[in-house]
Amino acid sequence: MPPPDAFERCYCTGVLKPAVVAAIRVGKCTTVDALRRATGVCCGCQTCRPEIEALLVQERERAGRSDLGTHIIPRPE
């Protein structure tokens, strides 16, 4: 899994890291799918998906929550 700091922006949609972090912290997004619906991240080529998953894990650990990122939807083939 890449380091969460590797993610800066989604290249397909241009969504920046601060918007994703805010959606996790304030918007209570707990999955990649929820982040996709809330921010538009990870809607195209899915290249940023591993970094988004790592960011979810980092935020889960930061918040002491066990539910963030535990219901990850498989990447489409």
PDB file of N, CA and C in Angstrom:
ATOM      1  N   MET A   1       0.858  -1.177   0.000  1.00  0.00           N
ATOM      2  CA  MET A   1       0.000   0.000   0.000  1.00  0.00           C
ATOM      3  C   MET A   1       0.905   1.241   0.000  1.00  0.00           C
ATOM      4  N   PRO A   2       0.631   2.196  -0.874  1.00  0.00           N
ATOM      5  CA  PRO A   2       1.452   3.406  -0.917  1.00  0.00           C
ATOM      6  C   PRO A   2       1.244   4.250   0.337  1.00  0.00           C
ATOM      7  N   PRO A   3       2.208   5.118   0.629  1.00  0.00           N
ATOM      8  CA  PRO A   3       2.010   6.001   1.784  1.00  0.00           C
ATOM      9  C   PRO A   3       0.875   6.975   1.509  1.00  0.00           C
ATOM     10  N   PRO A   4       0.078   7.323   2.535  1.00  0.00           N
ATOM     11  CA  PRO A   4      -1.042   8.241   2.330  1.00  0.00           C
ATOM     12  C   PRO A   4      -0.596   9.608   1.836  1.00  0.00           C
ATOM     13  N   ASP A   5       0.659   9.964   2.145  1.00  0.00           N
ATOM     14  CA  ASP A   5       1.164  11.262   1.695  1.00  0.00           C
ATOM     15  C   ASP A   5       1.403  11.293   0.194  1.00  0.00           C
ATOM     16  N   ALA A   6       1.370  10.121  -0.459  1.00  0.00           N
ATOM     17  CA  ALA A   6       1.598  10.067  -1.899  1.00  0.00           C
ATOM     18  C   ALA A   6       0.461  10.720  -2.678  1.00  0.00           C
ATOM     19  N   PHE A   7      -0.741  10.723  -2.112  1.00  0.00           N
ATOM     20  CA  PHE A   7      -1.889  11.288  -2.819  1.00  0.00           C
ATOM     21  C   PHE A   7      -1.896  12.806  -2.712  1.00  0.00           C
ATOM     22  N   GLU A   8      -1.932  13.466  -3.843  1.00  0.00           N
ATOM     23  CA  GLU A   8      -2.059  14.923  -3.890  1.00  0.00           C
ATOM     24  C   GLU A   8      -3.338  15.346  -4.600  1.00  0.00           C
ATOM     25  N   ARG A   9      -3.677  14.616  -5.687  1.00  0.00           N
ATOM     26  CA  ARG A   9      -4.897  14.931  -6.422  1.00  0.00           C
ATOM     27  C   ARG A   9      -5.276  13.764  -7.322  1.00  0.00           C
ATOM     28  N   CYS A  10      -6.558  13.707  -7.644  1.00  0.00           N
ATOM     29  CA  CYS A  10      -7.064  12.729  -8.602  1.00  0.00           C
ATOM     30  C   CYS A  10      -6.811  13.320  -9.990  1.00  0.00           C
ATOM     31  N   TYR A  11      -6.064  12.615 -10.812  1.00  0.00           N
ATOM     32  CA  TYR A  11      -5.703  13.161 -12.122  1.00  0.00           C
ATOM     33  C   TYR A  11      -6.878  13.231 -13.086  1.00  0.00           C
ATOM     34  N   CYS A  12      -7.859  12.374 -12.914  1.00  0.00           N
ATOM     35  CA  CYS A  12      -9.013  12.381 -13.815  1.00  0.00           C
ATOM     36  C   CYS A  12      -9.990  13.513 -13.501  1.00  0.00           C
ATOM     37  N   THR A  13     -10.228  13.750 -12.218  1.00  0.00           N
ATOM     38  CA  THR A  13     -11.241  14.738 -11.835  1.00  0.00           C
ATOM     39  C   THR A  13     -10.658  16.002 -11.231  1.00  0.00           C
ATOM     40  N   GLY A  14      -9.360  15.978 -10.878  1.00  0.00           N
ATOM     41  CA  GLY A  14      -8.724  17.160 -10.304  1.00  0.00           C
ATOM     42  C   GLY A  14      -9.032  17.390  -8.833  1.00  0.00           C
ATOM     43  N   VAL A  15      -9.674  16.431  -8.172  1.00  0.00           N
ATOM     44  CA  VAL A  15      -9.995  16.570  -6.752  1.00  0.00           C
ATOM     45  C   VAL A  15      -8.691  16.556  -5.958  1.00  0.00           C
ATOM     46  N   LEU A  16      -8.535  17.550  -5.082  1.00  0.00           N
ATOM     47  CA  LEU A  16      -7.312  17.683  -4.304  1.00  0.00           C
ATOM     48  C   LEU A  16      -7.424  16.991  -2.948  1.00  0.00           C
ATOM     49  N   LYS A  17      -6.269  16.651  -2.385  1.00  0.00           N
ATOM     50  CA  LYS A  17      -6.201  15.943  -1.106  1.00  0.00           C
ATOM     51  C   LYS A  17      -6.992  16.624   0.012  1.00  0.00           C
ATOM     52  N   PRO A  18      -6.935  17.965   0.178  1.00  0.00           N
ATOM     53  CA  PRO A  18      -7.705  18.586   1.267  1.00  0.00           C
ATOM     54  C   PRO A  18      -9.208  18.301   1.186  1.00  0.00           C
ATOM     55  N   ALA A  19      -9.746  18.211  -0.027  1.00  0.00           N
ATOM     56  CA  ALA A  19     -11.175  17.918  -0.182  1.00  0.00           C
ATOM     57  C   ALA A  19     -11.486  16.493   0.265  1.00  0.00           C
ATOM     58  N   VAL A  20     -10.582  15.576  -0.022  1.00  0.00           N
ATOM     59  CA  VAL A  20     -10.785  14.182   0.371  1.00  0.00           C
ATOM     60  C   VAL A  20     -10.688  14.044   1.889  1.00  0.00           C
ATOM     61  N   VAL A  21      -9.678  14.679   2.481  1.00  0.00           N
ATOM     62  CA  VAL A  21      -9.508  14.620   3.939  1.00  0.00           C
ATOM     63  C   VAL A  21     -10.720  15.231   4.634  1.00  0.00           C
ATOM     64  N   ALA A  22     -11.212  16.344   4.117  1.00  0.00           N
ATOM     65  CA  ALA A  22     -12.403  16.976   4.707  1.00  0.00           C
ATOM     66  C   ALA A  22     -13.616  16.055   4.605  1.00  0.00           C
ATOM     67  N   ALA A  23     -13.754  15.361   3.486  1.00  0.00           N
ATOM     68  CA  ALA A  23     -14.889  14.441   3.324  1.00  0.00           C
ATOM     69  C   ALA A  23     -14.805  13.292   4.322  1.00  0.00           C
ATOM     70  N   ILE A  24     -13.597  12.874   4.650  1.00  0.00           N
ATOM     71  CA  ILE A  24     -13.424  11.806   5.636  1.00  0.00           C
ATOM     72  C   ILE A  24     -13.702  12.338   7.037  1.00  0.00           C
ATOM     73  N   ARG A  25     -13.093  13.476   7.352  1.00  0.00           N
ATOM     74  CA  ARG A  25     -13.180  14.001   8.723  1.00  0.00           C
ATOM     75  C   ARG A  25     -14.526  14.652   9.020  1.00  0.00           C
ATOM     76  N   VAL A  26     -14.997  15.491   8.118  1.00  0.00           N
ATOM     77  CA  VAL A  26     -16.227  16.252   8.359  1.00  0.00           C
ATOM     78  C   VAL A  26     -17.437  15.545   7.766  1.00  0.00           C
ATOM     79  N   GLY A  27     -17.263  15.031   6.563  1.00  0.00           N
ATOM     80  CA  GLY A  27     -18.370  14.380   5.872  1.00  0.00           C
ATOM     81  C   GLY A  27     -18.600  12.951   6.299  1.00  0.00           C
ATOM     82  N   LYS A  28     -17.679  12.428   7.108  1.00  0.00           N
ATOM     83  CA  LYS A  28     -17.811  11.072   7.654  1.00  0.00           C
ATOM     84  C   LYS A  28     -17.809   9.982   6.582  1.00  0.00           C
ATOM     85  N   CYS A  29     -17.133  10.240   5.464  1.00  0.00           N
ATOM     86  CA  CYS A  29     -16.998   9.207   4.439  1.00  0.00           C
ATOM     87  C   CYS A  29     -16.069   8.122   4.976  1.00  0.00           C
ATOM     88  N   THR A  30     -16.488   6.877   4.871  1.00  0.00           N
ATOM     89  CA  THR A  30     -15.709   5.772   5.423  1.00  0.00           C
ATOM     90  C   THR A  30     -15.254   4.760   4.384  1.00  0.00           C
ATOM     91  N   THR A  31     -15.621   4.966   3.126  1.00  0.00           N
ATOM     92  CA  THR A  31     -15.234   4.037   2.065  1.00  0.00           C
ATOM     93  C   THR A  31     -14.831   4.816   0.826  1.00  0.00           C
ATOM     94  N   VAL A  32     -14.149   4.118  -0.078  1.00  0.00           N
ATOM     95  CA  VAL A  32     -13.799   4.736  -1.355  1.00  0.00           C
ATOM     96  C   VAL A  32     -15.068   5.118  -2.106  1.00  0.00           C
ATOM     97  N   ASP A  33     -16.075   4.262  -2.057  1.00  0.00           N
ATOM     98  CA  ASP A  33     -17.335   4.552  -2.746  1.00  0.00           C
ATOM     99  C   ASP A  33     -17.991   5.819  -2.194  1.00  0.00           C
ATOM    100  N   ALA A  34     -17.989   5.977  -0.878  1.00  0.00           N
ATOM    101  CA  ALA A  34     -18.564   7.184  -0.272  1.00  0.00           C
ATOM    102  C   ALA A  34     -17.768   8.420  -0.676  1.00  0.00           C
ATOM    103  N   LEU A  35     -16.451   8.296  -0.734  1.00  0.00           N
ATOM    104  CA  LEU A  35     -15.618   9.422  -1.173  1.00  0.00           C
ATOM    105  C   LEU A  35     -15.889   9.756  -2.638  1.00  0.00           C
ATOM    106  N   ARG A  36     -16.097   8.729  -3.443  1.00  0.00           N
ATOM    107  CA  ARG A  36     -16.412   8.928  -4.867  1.00  0.00           C
ATOM    108  C   ARG A  36     -17.698   9.736  -5.012  1.00  0.00           C
ATOM    109  N   ARG A  37     -18.719   9.359  -4.252  1.00  0.00           N
ATOM    110  CA  ARG A  37     -19.999  10.073  -4.332  1.00  0.00           C
ATOM    111  C   ARG A  37     -19.889  11.500  -3.787  1.00  0.00           C
ATOM    112  N   ALA A  38     -19.114  11.683  -2.732  1.00  0.00           N
ATOM    113  CA  ALA A  38     -19.029  12.996  -2.089  1.00  0.00           C
ATOM    114  C   ALA A  38     -18.108  13.970  -2.810  1.00  0.00           C
ATOM    115  N   THR A  39     -17.019  13.458  -3.402  1.00  0.00           N
ATOM    116  CA  THR A  39     -16.014  14.366  -3.961  1.00  0.00           C
ATOM    117  C   THR A  39     -15.753  14.175  -5.446  1.00  0.00           C
ATOM    118  N   GLY A  40     -16.087  13.013  -5.984  1.00  0.00           N
ATOM    119  CA  GLY A  40     -15.774  12.721  -7.377  1.00  0.00           C
ATOM    120  C   GLY A  40     -14.412  12.074  -7.552  1.00  0.00           C
ATOM    121  N   VAL A  41     -13.690  11.865  -6.454  1.00  0.00           N
ATOM    122  CA  VAL A  41     -12.379  11.234  -6.529  1.00  0.00           C
ATOM    123  C   VAL A  41     -12.535   9.780  -6.960  1.00  0.00           C
ATOM    124  N   CYS A  42     -11.560   9.274  -7.680  1.00  0.00           N
ATOM    125  CA  CYS A  42     -11.515   7.852  -8.036  1.00  0.00           C
ATOM    126  C   CYS A  42     -12.649   7.467  -8.987  1.00  0.00           C
ATOM    127  N   CYS A  43     -13.036   8.369  -9.866  1.00  0.00           N
ATOM    128  CA  CYS A  43     -14.136   8.099 -10.802  1.00  0.00           C
ATOM    129  C   CYS A  43     -13.657   7.712 -12.197  1.00  0.00           C
ATOM    130  N   GLY A  44     -12.392   7.902 -12.464  1.00  0.00           N
ATOM    131  CA  GLY A  44     -11.905   7.642 -13.808  1.00  0.00           C
ATOM    132  C   GLY A  44     -11.026   6.411 -13.882  1.00  0.00           C
ATOM    133  N   CYS A  45      -9.739   6.635 -14.033  1.00  0.00           N
ATOM    134  CA  CYS A  45      -8.792   5.545 -14.277  1.00  0.00           C
ATOM    135  C   CYS A  45      -8.485   4.699 -13.049  1.00  0.00           C
ATOM    136  N   GLN A  46      -8.847   5.171 -11.866  1.00  0.00           N
ATOM    137  CA  GLN A  46      -8.625   4.450 -10.608  1.00  0.00           C
ATOM    138  C   GLN A  46      -7.159   4.404 -10.177  1.00  0.00           C
ATOM    139  N   THR A  47      -6.283   5.160 -10.837  1.00  0.00           N
ATOM    140  CA  THR A  47      -4.870   5.165 -10.467  1.00  0.00           C
ATOM    141  C   THR A  47      -4.664   5.629  -9.035  1.00  0.00           C
ATOM    142  N   CYS A  48      -5.484   6.542  -8.562  1.00  0.00           N
ATOM    143  CA  CYS A  48      -5.323   7.078  -7.208  1.00  0.00           C
ATOM    144  C   CYS A  48      -5.959   6.194  -6.140  1.00  0.00           C
ATOM    145  N   ARG A  49      -6.649   5.150  -6.526  1.00  0.00           N
ATOM    146  CA  ARG A  49      -7.378   4.321  -5.556  1.00  0.00           C
ATOM    147  C   ARG A  49      -6.498   3.769  -4.427  1.00  0.00           C
ATOM    148  N   PRO A  50      -5.323   3.185  -4.711  1.00  0.00           N
ATOM    149  CA  PRO A  50      -4.500   2.688  -3.602  1.00  0.00           C
ATOM    150  C   PRO A  50      -4.115   3.798  -2.621  1.00  0.00           C
ATOM    151  N   GLU A  51      -3.865   4.989  -3.137  1.00  0.00           N
ATOM    152  CA  GLU A  51      -3.516   6.114  -2.272  1.00  0.00           C
ATOM    153  C   GLU A  51      -4.723   6.568  -1.453  1.00  0.00           C
ATOM    154  N   ILE A  52      -5.910   6.527  -2.049  1.00  0.00           N
ATOM    155  CA  ILE A  52      -7.136   6.881  -1.324  1.00  0.00           C
ATOM    156  C   ILE A  52      -7.386   5.857  -0.214  1.00  0.00           C
ATOM    157  N   GLU A  53      -7.189   4.579  -0.517  1.00  0.00           N
ATOM    158  CA  GLU A  53      -7.355   3.538   0.496  1.00  0.00           C
ATOM    159  C   GLU A  53      -6.375   3.748   1.648  1.00  0.00           C
ATOM    160  N   ALA A  54      -5.120   4.099   1.326  1.00  0.00           N
ATOM    161  CA  ALA A  54      -4.120   4.360   2.366  1.00  0.00           C
ATOM    162  C   ALA A  54      -4.505   5.579   3.196  1.00  0.00           C
ATOM    163  N   LEU A  55      -5.073   6.581   2.548  1.00  0.00           N
ATOM    164  CA  LEU A  55      -5.519   7.781   3.260  1.00  0.00           C
ATOM    165  C   LEU A  55      -6.664   7.446   4.220  1.00  0.00           C
ATOM    166  N   LEU A  56      -7.572   6.586   3.801  1.00  0.00           N
ATOM    167  CA  LEU A  56      -8.654   6.139   4.688  1.00  0.00           C
ATOM    168  C   LEU A  56      -8.095   5.428   5.925  1.00  0.00           C
ATOM    169  N   VAL A  57      -7.103   4.575   5.716  1.00  0.00           N
ATOM    170  CA  VAL A  57      -6.488   3.861   6.835  1.00  0.00           C
ATOM    171  C   VAL A  57      -5.801   4.846   7.777  1.00  0.00           C
ATOM    172  N   GLN A  58      -5.063   5.800   7.209  1.00  0.00           N
ATOM    173  CA  GLN A  58      -4.375   6.805   8.029  1.00  0.00           C
ATOM    174  C   GLN A  58      -5.375   7.597   8.869  1.00  0.00           C
ATOM    175  N   GLU A  59      -6.459   8.016   8.253  1.00  0.00           N
ATOM    176  CA  GLU A  59      -7.456   8.806   8.977  1.00  0.00           C
ATOM    177  C   GLU A  59      -8.180   7.958  10.023  1.00  0.00           C
ATOM    178  N   ARG A  60      -8.376   6.677   9.727  1.00  0.00           N
ATOM    179  CA  ARG A  60      -8.979   5.779  10.714  1.00  0.00           C
ATOM    180  C   ARG A  60      -8.091   5.701  11.950  1.00  0.00           C
ATOM    181  N   GLU A  61      -6.800   5.534  11.730  1.00  0.00           N
ATOM    182  CA  GLU A  61      -5.864   5.445  12.847  1.00  0.00           C
ATOM    183  C   GLU A  61      -5.781   6.770  13.598  1.00  0.00           C
ATOM    184  N   ARG A  62      -5.785   7.874  12.870  1.00  0.00           N
ATOM    185  CA  ARG A  62      -5.709   9.191  13.494  1.00  0.00           C
ATOM    186  C   ARG A  62      -6.920   9.431  14.388  1.00  0.00           C
ATOM    187  N   ALA A  63      -8.075   9.016  13.912  1.00  0.00           N
ATOM    188  CA  ALA A  63      -9.311   9.258  14.651  1.00  0.00           C
ATOM    189  C   ALA A  63      -9.609   8.165  15.678  1.00  0.00           C
ATOM    190  N   GLY A  64      -8.821   7.095  15.648  1.00  0.00           N
ATOM    191  CA  GLY A  64      -9.087   5.991  16.559  1.00  0.00           C
ATOM    192  C   GLY A  64     -10.374   5.266  16.228  1.00  0.00           C
ATOM    193  N   ARG A  65     -10.760   5.293  14.944  1.00  0.00           N
ATOM    194  CA  ARG A  65     -12.000   4.646  14.501  1.00  0.00           C
ATOM    195  C   ARG A  65     -11.655   3.382  13.746  1.00  0.00           C
ATOM    196  N   SER A  66     -12.412   2.350  13.991  1.00  0.00           N
ATOM    197  CA  SER A  66     -12.167   1.090  13.304  1.00  0.00           C
ATOM    198  C   SER A  66     -13.040   0.917  12.066  1.00  0.00           C
ATOM    199  N   ASP A  67     -13.981   1.840  11.840  1.00  0.00           N
ATOM    200  CA  ASP A  67     -14.911   1.653  10.723  1.00  0.00           C
ATOM    201  C   ASP A  67     -14.452   2.314   9.430  1.00  0.00           C
ATOM    202  N   LEU A  68     -13.484   3.222   9.475  1.00  0.00           N
ATOM    203  CA  LEU A  68     -13.038   3.895   8.256  1.00  0.00           C
ATOM    204  C   LEU A  68     -12.267   2.931   7.369  1.00  0.00           C
ATOM    205  N   GLY A  69     -12.678   2.842   6.123  1.00  0.00           N
ATOM    206  CA  GLY A  69     -11.954   2.052   5.142  1.00  0.00           C
ATOM    207  C   GLY A  69     -12.097   0.551   5.279  1.00  0.00           C
ATOM    208  N   THR A  70     -13.017   0.083   6.088  1.00  0.00           N
ATOM    209  CA  THR A  70     -13.147  -1.357   6.268  1.00  0.00           C
ATOM    210  C   THR A  70     -14.085  -1.993   5.253  1.00  0.00           C
ATOM    211  N   HIS A  71     -14.846  -1.201   4.553  1.00  0.00           N
ATOM    212  CA  HIS A  71     -15.803  -1.733   3.578  1.00  0.00           C
ATOM    213  C   HIS A  71     -15.405  -1.271   2.185  1.00  0.00           C
ATOM    214  N   ILE A  72     -14.194  -1.609   1.792  1.00  0.00           N
ATOM    215  CA  ILE A  72     -13.651  -1.152   0.519  1.00  0.00           C
ATOM    216  C   ILE A  72     -14.255  -1.983  -0.609  1.00  0.00           C
ATOM    217  N   ILE A  73     -14.785  -1.296  -1.589  1.00  0.00           N
ATOM    218  CA  ILE A  73     -15.399  -1.947  -2.742  1.00  0.00           C
ATOM    219  C   ILE A  73     -14.295  -2.330  -3.722  1.00  0.00           C
ATOM    220  N   PRO A  74     -14.315  -3.545  -4.262  1.00  0.00           N
ATOM    221  CA  PRO A  74     -13.263  -3.977  -5.180  1.00  0.00           C
ATOM    222  C   PRO A  74     -13.145  -3.056  -6.384  1.00  0.00           C
ATOM    223  N   ARG A  75     -11.930  -2.897  -6.843  1.00  0.00           N
ATOM    224  CA  ARG A  75     -11.650  -2.080  -8.020  1.00  0.00           C
ATOM    225  C   ARG A  75     -12.250  -2.747  -9.247  1.00  0.00           C
ATOM    226  N   PRO A  76     -12.942  -1.974 -10.088  1.00  0.00           N
ATOM    227  CA  PRO A  76     -13.488  -2.556 -11.319  1.00  0.00           C
ATOM    228  C   PRO A  76     -12.367  -2.998 -12.251  1.00  0.00           C
ATOM    229  N   GLU A  77     -12.577  -4.068 -12.942  1.00  0.00           N
ATOM    230  CA  GLU A  77     -11.568  -4.591 -13.884  1.00  0.00           C
ATOM    231  C   GLU A  77     -11.635  -3.858 -15.185  1.00  0.00           C
TER     232      GLU A  77
END
